[in-house]
Amino acid sequence: MKLKRIIHGVLLVLGLSVLGLLFYYAMWLITDEDFREMLKYGWPWTSGMVLVDYAACCLFTTVVTLYYWRSREKAERERDKFRLQALENQLSPHFVFNNFSILADLIEVDPKRASNYLMNLSRVYRYTLSHLNHNMVPLQEELEFLMRYLALLQQRFGEGIQVRIADEVIHCEGSVPPAALQMLIENAIKHNEHTQARPLIIDVKTDGQRISVSNKRQPITTGESTHVGQHNIAERYRLLTNKKVEIRETANDYCVTIPILSEK
C-alpha cells in the first residue's frame, strides 16, 4: 500500500510539473514580445535547457505537494484526536459510573423515570458514537443532543444546575462541531460550584451569527483548570474555518462564543 502511494505521488508530481512547465512557457508567450519573435524562427531552446526547466518544475512541485500532504495529514490527526477526546469525555469511567448509579437508584424507586433516563442516556452515547466522523452537524441536531444531556444533568444535580436556552437559539439555523455546546456546558460545570443553595446558572444565547455560553463565576478552589475542552473546541474551529472562538472572562462572568457555520 505504501509503495502504491509513492508511485501515485511520483506520477502526480510528474504530471503537475508538465502542466507547470507549459504554463511557464505560455506566460512567456503572452507577456514577452521578444520570445514571440524568436518563435517565428523555431524553438529557441535546446532539449537540455527544456530538461533543466522541467527539473526545476519537478523540484518546486515536489516541495509544494509534500507541504500540502503533510499539512493535510496533520489536520486529519488533529481531527482524530479531538473526536477521540469527545468520545473519551462521554465514556469516561466517572461519567459512566455516575449515570449507572443514578439509573440503579431510579429502578428501585421509579421504574418509569428509570426507563426515560435510560432512553436519554442511550441517545447521548449513540449521538457521540455516530457523529465522531462528522466535522459539523446541524445546530438542531446538536440542540436535541444537548437536551438529552441536560435531562441527565437534571436527574443527577437537580436544581443545582440550571441551563437557560434562549428561544432564538432553538429556532436558529446553521451548523456547529459535534458536541461543542455540550462540552462548553460540561466545562462550566466542571470548574464552578453548583449546589441547591447556590445553583450554577448557564445561559445559551445567539445573535444569529454566533452562540454564546455564559455563566457567573463560582470557581471551585481545589485544582487548576487545564482548559482541555475549551482548547478542543477552539482547535476544531481552527481546522474548519477562519472564524474565531471568543473567550471573555471577567471577575464575575465567563463567556465562550462560537461561530455558527454554514451548513454547506
C-alpha atoms as a PDB file:
ATOM      1  CA  MET A   1       0.000   0.000   0.000  1.00  0.00           C
ATOM      2  CA  LYS A   2       2.837   2.397   0.868  1.00  0.00           C
ATOM      3  CA  LEU A   3       4.631   1.634  -2.428  1.00  0.00           C
ATOM      4  CA  LYS A   4       1.386   2.259  -4.298  1.00  0.00           C
ATOM      5  CA  ARG A   5       1.029   5.656  -2.634  1.00  0.00           C
ATOM      6  CA  ILE A   6       4.631   6.551  -3.536  1.00  0.00           C
ATOM      7  CA  ILE A   7       4.048   5.611  -7.187  1.00  0.00           C
ATOM      8  CA  HIS A   8       0.855   7.672  -7.282  1.00  0.00           C
ATOM      9  CA  GLY A   9       2.719  10.590  -5.700  1.00  0.00           C
ATOM     10  CA  VAL A  10       5.552  10.432  -8.257  1.00  0.00           C
ATOM     11  CA  LEU A  11       3.100  10.274 -11.172  1.00  0.00           C
ATOM     12  CA  LEU A  12       1.178  13.208  -9.707  1.00  0.00           C
ATOM     13  CA  VAL A  13       4.349  15.301  -9.383  1.00  0.00           C
ATOM     14  CA  LEU A  14       5.452  14.477 -12.933  1.00  0.00           C
ATOM     15  CA  GLY A  15       2.042  15.316 -14.361  1.00  0.00           C
ATOM     16  CA  LEU A  16       1.724  18.567 -12.444  1.00  0.00           C
ATOM     17  CA  SER A  17       5.256  19.514 -13.436  1.00  0.00           C
ATOM     18  CA  VAL A  18       4.368  19.125 -17.130  1.00  0.00           C
ATOM     19  CA  LEU A  19       1.377  21.410 -16.625  1.00  0.00           C
ATOM     20  CA  GLY A  20       3.556  23.849 -14.693  1.00  0.00           C
ATOM     21  CA  LEU A  21       6.160  23.929 -17.459  1.00  0.00           C
ATOM     22  CA  LEU A  22       3.512  24.508 -20.132  1.00  0.00           C
ATOM     23  CA  PHE A  23       2.035  27.314 -18.034  1.00  0.00           C
ATOM     24  CA  TYR A  24       5.508  28.830 -17.625  1.00  0.00           C
ATOM     25  CA  TYR A  25       6.094  28.853 -21.395  1.00  0.00           C
ATOM     26  CA  ALA A  26       2.562  30.118 -22.044  1.00  0.00           C
ATOM     27  CA  MET A  27       3.163  33.099 -19.741  1.00  0.00           C
ATOM     28  CA  TRP A  28       6.357  33.845 -21.604  1.00  0.00           C
ATOM     29  CA  LEU A  29       4.460  33.684 -24.876  1.00  0.00           C
ATOM     30  CA  ILE A  30       1.764  36.069 -23.604  1.00  0.00           C
ATOM     31  CA  THR A  31       3.962  38.602 -21.828  1.00  0.00           C
ATOM     32  CA  ASP A  32       7.287  38.603 -23.747  1.00  0.00           C
ATOM     33  CA  GLU A  33       7.271  40.054 -27.252  1.00  0.00           C
ATOM     34  CA  ASP A  34      10.905  39.064 -27.887  1.00  0.00           C
ATOM     35  CA  PHE A  35      10.025  35.447 -27.129  1.00  0.00           C
ATOM     36  CA  ARG A  36       7.205  35.561 -29.681  1.00  0.00           C
ATOM     37  CA  GLU A  37       9.630  36.935 -32.275  1.00  0.00           C
ATOM     38  CA  MET A  38      12.134  34.157 -31.528  1.00  0.00           C
ATOM     39  CA  LEU A  39       9.459  31.509 -32.036  1.00  0.00           C
ATOM     40  CA  LYS A  40       8.982  32.692 -35.626  1.00  0.00           C
ATOM     41  CA  TYR A  41      12.389  31.208 -36.395  1.00  0.00           C
ATOM     42  CA  GLY A  42      11.894  27.976 -34.450  1.00  0.00           C
ATOM     43  CA  TRP A  43      12.105  26.789 -30.884  1.00  0.00           C
ATOM     44  CA  PRO A  44      14.806  28.909 -29.191  1.00  0.00           C
ATOM     45  CA  TRP A  45      15.921  26.459 -26.501  1.00  0.00           C
ATOM     46  CA  THR A  46      17.768  23.157 -26.712  1.00  0.00           C
ATOM     47  CA  SER A  47      16.348  19.954 -25.268  1.00  0.00           C
ATOM     48  CA  GLY A  48      18.870  20.240 -22.427  1.00  0.00           C
ATOM     49  CA  MET A  49      17.550  23.662 -21.476  1.00  0.00           C
ATOM     50  CA  VAL A  50      13.961  22.371 -21.558  1.00  0.00           C
ATOM     51  CA  LEU A  51      15.017  19.445 -19.366  1.00  0.00           C
ATOM     52  CA  VAL A  52      16.550  21.828 -16.819  1.00  0.00           C
ATOM     53  CA  ASP A  53      13.334  23.854 -16.753  1.00  0.00           C
ATOM     54  CA  TYR A  54      11.323  20.663 -16.289  1.00  0.00           C
ATOM     55  CA  ALA A  55      13.587  19.529 -13.443  1.00  0.00           C
ATOM     56  CA  ALA A  56      13.086  22.887 -11.731  1.00  0.00           C
ATOM     57  CA  CYS A  57       9.319  22.481 -12.095  1.00  0.00           C
ATOM     58  CA  CYS A  58       9.554  18.963 -10.632  1.00  0.00           C
ATOM     59  CA  LEU A  59      11.521  20.237  -7.636  1.00  0.00           C
ATOM     60  CA  PHE A  60       9.071  23.066  -6.974  1.00  0.00           C
ATOM     61  CA  THR A  61       6.043  20.781  -7.400  1.00  0.00           C
ATOM     62  CA  THR A  62       7.562  18.171  -5.067  1.00  0.00           C
ATOM     63  CA  VAL A  63       8.093  20.743  -2.302  1.00  0.00           C
ATOM     64  CA  VAL A  64       4.556  22.135  -2.643  1.00  0.00           C
ATOM     65  CA  THR A  65       2.986  18.653  -2.800  1.00  0.00           C
ATOM     66  CA  LEU A  66       4.880  17.414   0.268  1.00  0.00           C
ATOM     67  CA  TYR A  67       3.869  20.523   2.209  1.00  0.00           C
ATOM     68  CA  TYR A  68       0.232  20.034   1.201  1.00  0.00           C
ATOM     69  CA  TRP A  69       0.100  16.344   2.143  1.00  0.00           C
ATOM     70  CA  ARG A  70       1.880  16.873   5.435  1.00  0.00           C
ATOM     71  CA  SER A  71      -0.487  19.713   6.348  1.00  0.00           C
ATOM     72  CA  ARG A  72      -3.445  17.543   5.397  1.00  0.00           C
ATOM     73  CA  GLU A  73      -2.195  14.578   7.421  1.00  0.00           C
ATOM     74  CA  LYS A  74      -1.574  16.845  10.428  1.00  0.00           C
ATOM     75  CA  ALA A  75      -5.101  18.238  10.170  1.00  0.00           C
ATOM     76  CA  GLU A  76      -6.542  14.723   9.968  1.00  0.00           C
ATOM     77  CA  ARG A  77      -4.530  13.643  13.015  1.00  0.00           C
ATOM     78  CA  GLU A  78      -5.796  16.682  14.918  1.00  0.00           C
ATOM     79  CA  ARG A  79      -9.397  15.904  13.969  1.00  0.00           C
ATOM     80  CA  ASP A  80      -8.966  12.294  15.039  1.00  0.00           C
ATOM     81  CA  LYS A  81      -7.525  13.417  18.364  1.00  0.00           C
ATOM     82  CA  PHE A  82     -10.430  15.753  19.051  1.00  0.00           C
ATOM     83  CA  ARG A  83     -13.005  13.146  18.046  1.00  0.00           C
ATOM     84  CA  LEU A  84     -11.434  10.624  20.366  1.00  0.00           C
ATOM     85  CA  GLN A  85     -11.301  13.167  23.153  1.00  0.00           C
ATOM     86  CA  ALA A  86     -15.014  13.889  22.736  1.00  0.00           C
ATOM     87  CA  LEU A  87     -15.685  10.160  22.922  1.00  0.00           C
ATOM     88  CA  GLU A  88     -13.479   9.755  25.990  1.00  0.00           C
ATOM     89  CA  ASN A  89     -15.350  12.559  27.744  1.00  0.00           C
ATOM     90  CA  GLN A  90     -18.618  10.678  27.299  1.00  0.00           C
ATOM     91  CA  LEU A  91     -17.223   7.226  28.051  1.00  0.00           C
ATOM     92  CA  SER A  92     -15.008   8.180  30.982  1.00  0.00           C
ATOM     93  CA  PRO A  93     -15.346   5.837  33.980  1.00  0.00           C
ATOM     94  CA  HIS A  94     -16.510   8.746  36.135  1.00  0.00           C
ATOM     95  CA  PHE A  95     -19.299   9.666  33.719  1.00  0.00           C
ATOM     96  CA  VAL A  96     -20.377   6.046  33.267  1.00  0.00           C
ATOM     97  CA  PHE A  97     -20.290   5.255  36.988  1.00  0.00           C
ATOM     98  CA  ASN A  98     -22.375   8.284  37.969  1.00  0.00           C
ATOM     99  CA  ASN A  99     -25.019   7.661  35.335  1.00  0.00           C
ATOM    100  CA  PHE A 100     -25.397   3.975  36.055  1.00  0.00           C
ATOM    101  CA  SER A 101     -25.553   4.659  39.790  1.00  0.00           C
ATOM    102  CA  ILE A 102     -28.425   7.075  39.210  1.00  0.00           C
ATOM    103  CA  LEU A 103     -30.106   4.557  36.915  1.00  0.00           C
ATOM    104  CA  ALA A 104     -29.821   1.816  39.548  1.00  0.00           C
ATOM    105  CA  ASP A 105     -31.407   4.076  42.174  1.00  0.00           C
ATOM    106  CA  LEU A 106     -34.249   5.045  39.852  1.00  0.00           C
ATOM    107  CA  ILE A 107     -35.033   1.425  39.014  1.00  0.00           C
ATOM    108  CA  GLU A 108     -35.683   0.835  42.705  1.00  0.00           C
ATOM    109  CA  VAL A 109     -37.910   3.857  43.352  1.00  0.00           C
ATOM    110  CA  ASP A 110     -39.415   4.850  39.988  1.00  0.00           C
ATOM    111  CA  PRO A 111     -39.200   2.366  37.077  1.00  0.00           C
ATOM    112  CA  LYS A 112     -40.901   4.787  34.647  1.00  0.00           C
ATOM    113  CA  ARG A 113     -38.354   7.549  35.297  1.00  0.00           C
ATOM    114  CA  ALA A 114     -35.616   4.943  35.074  1.00  0.00           C
ATOM    115  CA  SER A 115     -36.871   3.993  31.615  1.00  0.00           C
ATOM    116  CA  ASN A 116     -36.820   7.637  30.467  1.00  0.00           C
ATOM    117  CA  TYR A 117     -33.384   8.130  31.974  1.00  0.00           C
ATOM    118  CA  LEU A 118     -32.036   5.052  30.197  1.00  0.00           C
ATOM    119  CA  MET A 119     -33.503   6.287  26.906  1.00  0.00           C
ATOM    120  CA  ASN A 120     -31.782   9.666  27.254  1.00  0.00           C
ATOM    121  CA  LEU A 121     -28.517   8.020  28.286  1.00  0.00           C
ATOM    122  CA  SER A 122     -28.539   5.669  25.299  1.00  0.00           C
ATOM    123  CA  ARG A 123     -29.219   8.559  22.928  1.00  0.00           C
ATOM    124  CA  VAL A 124     -26.340  10.568  24.380  1.00  0.00           C
ATOM    125  CA  TYR A 125     -23.974   7.673  23.740  1.00  0.00           C
ATOM    126  CA  ARG A 126     -25.455   6.986  20.305  1.00  0.00           C
ATOM    127  CA  TYR A 127     -25.021  10.597  19.240  1.00  0.00           C
ATOM    128  CA  THR A 128     -21.406  10.657  20.428  1.00  0.00           C
ATOM    129  CA  LEU A 129     -20.518   7.436  18.627  1.00  0.00           C
ATOM    130  CA  SER A 130     -22.390   8.172  15.400  1.00  0.00           C
ATOM    131  CA  HIS A 131     -21.020  11.703  14.968  1.00  0.00           C
ATOM    132  CA  LEU A 132     -17.331  11.037  15.574  1.00  0.00           C
ATOM    133  CA  ASN A 133     -16.585  11.220  11.847  1.00  0.00           C
ATOM    134  CA  HIS A 134     -18.541  14.427  11.291  1.00  0.00           C
ATOM    135  CA  ASN A 135     -16.772  17.769  11.169  1.00  0.00           C
ATOM    136  CA  MET A 136     -20.053  19.641  11.548  1.00  0.00           C
ATOM    137  CA  VAL A 137     -23.640  18.813  12.475  1.00  0.00           C
ATOM    138  CA  PRO A 138     -26.838  20.828  12.038  1.00  0.00           C
ATOM    139  CA  LEU A 139     -27.465  23.058  15.036  1.00  0.00           C
ATOM    140  CA  GLN A 140     -30.884  21.479  15.576  1.00  0.00           C
ATOM    141  CA  GLU A 141     -29.281  18.023  15.953  1.00  0.00           C
ATOM    142  CA  GLU A 142     -26.776  19.422  18.426  1.00  0.00           C
ATOM    143  CA  LEU A 143     -29.583  21.026  20.436  1.00  0.00           C
ATOM    144  CA  GLU A 144     -31.547  17.775  20.511  1.00  0.00           C
ATOM    145  CA  PHE A 145     -28.458  16.012  21.830  1.00  0.00           C
ATOM    146  CA  LEU A 146     -27.924  18.804  24.347  1.00  0.00           C
ATOM    147  CA  MET A 147     -31.472  18.419  25.657  1.00  0.00           C
ATOM    148  CA  ARG A 148     -30.832  14.712  26.301  1.00  0.00           C
ATOM    149  CA  TYR A 149     -27.612  15.562  28.095  1.00  0.00           C
ATOM    150  CA  LEU A 150     -29.336  18.228  30.201  1.00  0.00           C
ATOM    151  CA  ALA A 151     -32.007  15.715  31.198  1.00  0.00           C
ATOM    152  CA  LEU A 152     -29.233  13.543  32.635  1.00  0.00           C
ATOM    153  CA  LEU A 153     -27.789  16.531  34.490  1.00  0.00           C
ATOM    154  CA  GLN A 154     -31.194  17.431  35.897  1.00  0.00           C
ATOM    155  CA  GLN A 155     -31.596  13.926  37.261  1.00  0.00           C
ATOM    156  CA  ARG A 156     -28.145  13.998  38.790  1.00  0.00           C
ATOM    157  CA  PHE A 157     -27.872  17.553  40.157  1.00  0.00           C
ATOM    158  CA  GLY A 158     -31.491  18.699  40.360  1.00  0.00           C
ATOM    159  CA  GLU A 159     -31.794  22.496  40.577  1.00  0.00           C
ATOM    160  CA  GLY A 160     -28.085  22.797  41.321  1.00  0.00           C
ATOM    161  CA  ILE A 161     -27.520  23.330  37.593  1.00  0.00           C
ATOM    162  CA  GLN A 162     -29.870  25.462  35.518  1.00  0.00           C
ATOM    163  CA  VAL A 163     -29.300  25.860  31.785  1.00  0.00           C
ATOM    164  CA  ARG A 164     -31.373  28.572  30.121  1.00  0.00           C
ATOM    165  CA  ILE A 165     -31.536  28.275  26.332  1.00  0.00           C
ATOM    166  CA  ALA A 166     -32.951  31.344  24.573  1.00  0.00           C
ATOM    167  CA  ASP A 167     -35.799  30.852  22.097  1.00  0.00           C
ATOM    168  CA  GLU A 168     -33.643  32.442  19.374  1.00  0.00           C
ATOM    169  CA  VAL A 169     -31.158  29.576  19.733  1.00  0.00           C
ATOM    170  CA  ILE A 170     -33.859  26.948  19.329  1.00  0.00           C
ATOM    171  CA  HIS A 171     -35.015  28.491  16.048  1.00  0.00           C
ATOM    172  CA  CYS A 172     -31.545  29.291  14.723  1.00  0.00           C
ATOM    173  CA  GLU A 173     -30.195  27.619  11.558  1.00  0.00           C
ATOM    174  CA  GLY A 174     -26.646  26.566  10.744  1.00  0.00           C
ATOM    175  CA  SER A 175     -24.048  24.061  11.917  1.00  0.00           C
ATOM    176  CA  VAL A 176     -21.526  23.603  14.713  1.00  0.00           C
ATOM    177  CA  PRO A 177     -18.865  20.976  15.501  1.00  0.00           C
ATOM    178  CA  PRO A 178     -20.493  17.948  17.174  1.00  0.00           C
ATOM    179  CA  ALA A 179     -20.795  18.130  20.979  1.00  0.00           C
ATOM    180  CA  ALA A 180     -19.447  21.715  21.026  1.00  0.00           C
ATOM    181  CA  LEU A 181     -22.296  23.143  23.114  1.00  0.00           C
ATOM    182  CA  GLN A 182     -22.323  20.129  25.406  1.00  0.00           C
ATOM    183  CA  MET A 183     -18.583  20.465  26.046  1.00  0.00           C
ATOM    184  CA  LEU A 184     -18.944  24.166  26.895  1.00  0.00           C
ATOM    185  CA  ILE A 185     -21.660  23.415  29.426  1.00  0.00           C
ATOM    186  CA  GLU A 186     -19.673  20.485  30.794  1.00  0.00           C
ATOM    187  CA  ASN A 187     -16.660  22.791  31.147  1.00  0.00           C
ATOM    188  CA  ALA A 188     -18.708  25.330  33.129  1.00  0.00           C
ATOM    189  CA  ILE A 189     -19.985  22.601  35.454  1.00  0.00           C
ATOM    190  CA  LYS A 190     -16.518  21.154  35.942  1.00  0.00           C
ATOM    191  CA  HIS A 191     -14.960  24.418  37.101  1.00  0.00           C
ATOM    192  CA  ASN A 192     -17.767  26.072  39.057  1.00  0.00           C
ATOM    193  CA  GLU A 193     -19.567  25.345  42.309  1.00  0.00           C
ATOM    194  CA  HIS A 194     -23.121  24.057  41.839  1.00  0.00           C
ATOM    195  CA  THR A 195     -25.382  23.276  44.769  1.00  0.00           C
ATOM    196  CA  GLN A 196     -29.073  23.556  45.561  1.00  0.00           C
ATOM    197  CA  ALA A 197     -28.273  26.533  47.791  1.00  0.00           C
ATOM    198  CA  ARG A 198     -26.022  28.149  45.189  1.00  0.00           C
ATOM    199  CA  PRO A 199     -27.096  26.924  41.750  1.00  0.00           C
ATOM    200  CA  LEU A 200     -24.946  27.374  38.663  1.00  0.00           C
ATOM    201  CA  ILE A 201     -26.947  29.237  36.026  1.00  0.00           C
ATOM    202  CA  ILE A 202     -25.722  28.837  32.443  1.00  0.00           C
ATOM    203  CA  ASP A 203     -27.183  30.972  29.641  1.00  0.00           C
ATOM    204  CA  VAL A 204     -27.109  29.955  25.975  1.00  0.00           C
ATOM    205  CA  LYS A 205     -27.847  32.853  23.612  1.00  0.00           C
ATOM    206  CA  THR A 206     -27.351  33.823  19.972  1.00  0.00           C
ATOM    207  CA  ASP A 207     -27.196  36.914  17.780  1.00  0.00           C
ATOM    208  CA  GLY A 208     -27.946  34.837  14.687  1.00  0.00           C
ATOM    209  CA  GLN A 209     -24.283  34.526  13.714  1.00  0.00           C
ATOM    210  CA  ARG A 210     -22.779  33.205  16.929  1.00  0.00           C
ATOM    211  CA  ILE A 211     -23.808  31.270  20.025  1.00  0.00           C
ATOM    212  CA  SER A 212     -22.576  32.259  23.471  1.00  0.00           C
ATOM    213  CA  VAL A 213     -22.480  30.076  26.577  1.00  0.00           C
ATOM    214  CA  SER A 214     -22.029  32.156  29.723  1.00  0.00           C
ATOM    215  CA  ASN A 215     -22.211  31.792  33.485  1.00  0.00           C
ATOM    216  CA  LYS A 216     -21.494  33.675  36.669  1.00  0.00           C
ATOM    217  CA  ARG A 217     -18.128  32.630  38.022  1.00  0.00           C
ATOM    218  CA  GLN A 218     -18.401  30.421  41.093  1.00  0.00           C
ATOM    219  CA  PRO A 219     -14.946  28.853  40.884  1.00  0.00           C
ATOM    220  CA  ILE A 220     -14.065  25.670  42.680  1.00  0.00           C
ATOM    221  CA  THR A 221     -10.996  26.428  44.751  1.00  0.00           C
ATOM    222  CA  THR A 222      -9.429  22.977  44.520  1.00  0.00           C
ATOM    223  CA  GLY A 223      -7.381  22.187  41.421  1.00  0.00           C
ATOM    224  CA  GLU A 224      -6.498  24.243  38.371  1.00  0.00           C
ATOM    225  CA  SER A 225      -8.293  24.242  35.044  1.00  0.00           C
ATOM    226  CA  THR A 226      -6.468  22.653  32.114  1.00  0.00           C
ATOM    227  CA  HIS A 227      -8.943  24.159  29.613  1.00  0.00           C
ATOM    228  CA  VAL A 228      -8.800  20.911  27.623  1.00  0.00           C
ATOM    229  CA  GLY A 229     -12.422  21.072  26.452  1.00  0.00           C
ATOM    230  CA  GLN A 230     -12.090  24.734  25.543  1.00  0.00           C
ATOM    231  CA  HIS A 231      -8.887  24.026  23.602  1.00  0.00           C
ATOM    232  CA  ASN A 232     -10.639  21.132  21.853  1.00  0.00           C
ATOM    233  CA  ILE A 233     -13.388  23.395  20.523  1.00  0.00           C
ATOM    234  CA  ALA A 234     -11.037  26.225  19.512  1.00  0.00           C
ATOM    235  CA  GLU A 235      -8.796  23.838  17.574  1.00  0.00           C
ATOM    236  CA  ARG A 236     -11.733  22.214  15.788  1.00  0.00           C
ATOM    237  CA  TYR A 237     -12.906  25.641  14.644  1.00  0.00           C
ATOM    238  CA  ARG A 238      -9.379  26.476  13.518  1.00  0.00           C
ATOM    239  CA  LEU A 239      -9.425  23.415  11.268  1.00  0.00           C
ATOM    240  CA  LEU A 240     -12.853  24.234   9.864  1.00  0.00           C
ATOM    241  CA  THR A 241     -12.916  27.992   9.366  1.00  0.00           C
ATOM    242  CA  ASN A 242     -11.117  31.279   9.837  1.00  0.00           C
ATOM    243  CA  LYS A 243     -13.839  32.380  12.270  1.00  0.00           C
ATOM    244  CA  LYS A 244     -12.548  32.503  15.826  1.00  0.00           C
ATOM    245  CA  VAL A 245     -13.844  31.217  19.122  1.00  0.00           C
ATOM    246  CA  GLU A 246     -14.088  34.180  21.506  1.00  0.00           C
ATOM    247  CA  ILE A 247     -13.495  33.919  25.254  1.00  0.00           C
ATOM    248  CA  ARG A 248     -14.491  36.716  27.591  1.00  0.00           C
ATOM    249  CA  GLU A 249     -13.557  36.417  31.235  1.00  0.00           C
ATOM    250  CA  THR A 250     -14.099  38.968  33.995  1.00  0.00           C
ATOM    251  CA  ALA A 251     -14.007  38.793  37.759  1.00  0.00           C
ATOM    252  CA  ASN A 252     -17.701  37.826  37.822  1.00  0.00           C
ATOM    253  CA  ASP A 253     -18.538  36.299  34.435  1.00  0.00           C
ATOM    254  CA  TYR A 254     -17.198  33.750  31.982  1.00  0.00           C
ATOM    255  CA  CYS A 255     -18.418  33.536  28.389  1.00  0.00           C
ATOM    256  CA  VAL A 256     -17.374  31.499  25.363  1.00  0.00           C
ATOM    257  CA  THR A 257     -18.792  32.456  21.968  1.00  0.00           C
ATOM    258  CA  ILE A 258     -18.632  30.091  18.998  1.00  0.00           C
ATOM    259  CA  PRO A 259     -19.491  30.947  15.377  1.00  0.00           C
ATOM    260  CA  ILE A 260     -22.462  29.357  13.647  1.00  0.00           C
ATOM    261  CA  LEU A 261     -21.151  27.808  10.443  1.00  0.00           C
ATOM    262  CA  SER A 262     -22.802  27.373   7.086  1.00  0.00           C
ATOM    263  CA  GLU A 263     -24.490  24.014   6.517  1.00  0.00           C
ATOM    264  CA  LYS A 264     -22.928  23.754   3.039  1.00  0.00           C
END
